[in-house]
C-alpha atoms as a PDB file:
ATOM      1  CA  UNK A   1       9.874  -3.661   3.072  1.00  0.00           C
ATOM      2  CA  UNK A   2      11.186  -0.264   2.076  1.00  0.00           C
ATOM      3  CA  UNK A   3       8.003   0.506   0.158  1.00  0.00           C
ATOM      4  CA  UNK A   4       5.929  -0.318   3.246  1.00  0.00           C
ATOM      5  CA  UNK A   5       8.026   2.096   5.317  1.00  0.00           C
ATOM      6  CA  UNK A   6       7.604   4.791   2.688  1.00  0.00           C
ATOM      7  CA  UNK A   7       3.830   4.293   2.628  1.00  0.00           C
ATOM      8  CA  UNK A   8       3.644   4.386   6.427  1.00  0.00           C
ATOM      9  CA  UNK A   9       5.687   7.586   6.564  1.00  0.00           C
ATOM     10  CA  UNK A  10       3.564   9.154   3.832  1.00  0.00           C
ATOM     11  CA  UNK A  11       0.393   8.236   5.735  1.00  0.00           C
ATOM     12  CA  UNK A  12       1.908   9.679   8.909  1.00  0.00           C
ATOM     13  CA  UNK A  13       2.815  12.948   7.191  1.00  0.00           C
ATOM     14  CA  UNK A  14      -0.627  13.315   5.593  1.00  0.00           C
ATOM     15  CA  UNK A  15      -2.449  12.459   8.822  1.00  0.00           C
ATOM     16  CA  UNK A  16      -0.212  14.831  10.804  1.00  0.00           C
ATOM     17  CA  UNK A  17      -0.963  17.627   8.359  1.00  0.00           C
ATOM     18  CA  UNK A  18      -4.681  17.021   8.710  1.00  0.00           C
ATOM     19  CA  UNK A  19      -4.392  17.127  12.499  1.00  0.00           C
ATOM     20  CA  UNK A  20      -2.256  20.292  12.441  1.00  0.00           C
ATOM     21  CA  UNK A  21      -4.906  22.022  10.353  1.00  0.00           C
ATOM     22  CA  UNK A  22      -8.016  20.508  11.932  1.00  0.00           C
ATOM     23  CA  UNK A  23      -7.331  20.770  15.663  1.00  0.00           C
ATOM     24  CA  UNK A  24      -6.737  24.552  15.783  1.00  0.00           C
ATOM     25  CA  UNK A  25      -9.828  25.119  13.680  1.00  0.00           C
ATOM     26  CA  UNK A  26     -11.834  23.040  16.133  1.00  0.00           C
ATOM     27  CA  UNK A  27     -10.456  24.966  19.105  1.00  0.00           C
ATOM     28  CA  UNK A  28     -11.107  28.318  17.434  1.00  0.00           C
ATOM     29  CA  UNK A  29     -14.714  27.545  16.562  1.00  0.00           C
ATOM     30  CA  UNK A  30     -17.138  28.427  19.353  1.00  0.00           C
ATOM     31  CA  UNK A  31     -18.881  25.414  20.835  1.00  0.00           C
ATOM     32  CA  UNK A  32     -17.127  22.913  18.591  1.00  0.00           C
ATOM     33  CA  UNK A  33     -15.014  21.334  21.351  1.00  0.00           C
ATOM     34  CA  UNK A  34     -17.921  19.435  22.867  1.00  0.00           C
ATOM     35  CA  UNK A  35     -19.015  18.125  19.484  1.00  0.00           C
ATOM     36  CA  UNK A  36     -15.557  17.241  18.174  1.00  0.00           C
ATOM     37  CA  UNK A  37     -13.848  16.040  21.360  1.00  0.00           C
ATOM     38  CA  UNK A  38     -14.208  12.334  20.555  1.00  0.00           C
ATOM     39  CA  UNK A  39     -13.040  12.871  16.985  1.00  0.00           C
ATOM     40  CA  UNK A  40      -9.901  14.671  18.153  1.00  0.00           C
ATOM     41  CA  UNK A  41      -9.104  11.986  20.728  1.00  0.00           C
ATOM     42  CA  UNK A  42      -9.634   9.279  18.112  1.00  0.00           C
ATOM     43  CA  UNK A  43      -7.368  11.116  15.673  1.00  0.00           C
ATOM     44  CA  UNK A  44      -4.657  11.447  18.318  1.00  0.00           C
ATOM     45  CA  UNK A  45      -4.943   7.743  19.091  1.00  0.00           C
ATOM     46  CA  UNK A  46      -4.692   6.765  15.437  1.00  0.00           C
ATOM     47  CA  UNK A  47      -1.683   9.054  15.044  1.00  0.00           C
ATOM     48  CA  UNK A  48       0.034   7.459  18.057  1.00  0.00           C
ATOM     49  CA  UNK A  49      -0.596   3.942  16.759  1.00  0.00           C
ATOM     50  CA  UNK A  50       0.690   4.968  13.320  1.00  0.00           C
ATOM     51  CA  UNK A  51       3.903   6.329  14.873  1.00  0.00           C
ATOM     52  CA  UNK A  52       4.444   3.100  16.815  1.00  0.00           C
ATOM     53  CA  UNK A  53       3.744   0.888  13.782  1.00  0.00           C
ATOM     54  CA  UNK A  54       6.116   2.976  11.659  1.00  0.00           C
ATOM     55  CA  UNK A  55       8.841   2.715  14.299  1.00  0.00           C
ATOM     56  CA  UNK A  56       8.448  -1.040  14.681  1.00  0.00           C
ATOM     57  CA  UNK A  57       8.433  -1.578  10.911  1.00  0.00           C
ATOM     58  CA  UNK A  58      11.499   0.643  10.595  1.00  0.00           C
ATOM     59  CA  UNK A  59      13.392  -1.542  13.057  1.00  0.00           C
ATOM     60  CA  UNK A  60      13.215  -4.407  10.546  1.00  0.00           C
ATOM     61  CA  UNK A  61      14.950  -2.399   7.810  1.00  0.00           C
ATOM     62  CA  UNK A  62      18.702  -2.986   7.751  1.00  0.00           C
END
């Protein structure tokens, strides 16, 4: 179970890094918000679900 937690946390860190880099670039690019809005919302949703899954899985570790 510990390996699963480590993989979930690693995925969360990598995905968070991608969002931290990608979202400001999208906001800074002219006209990119309309094209990338759904992608950003999907990324935020995936990140939220990943946080919840990591928290629930962590509650099973003693």
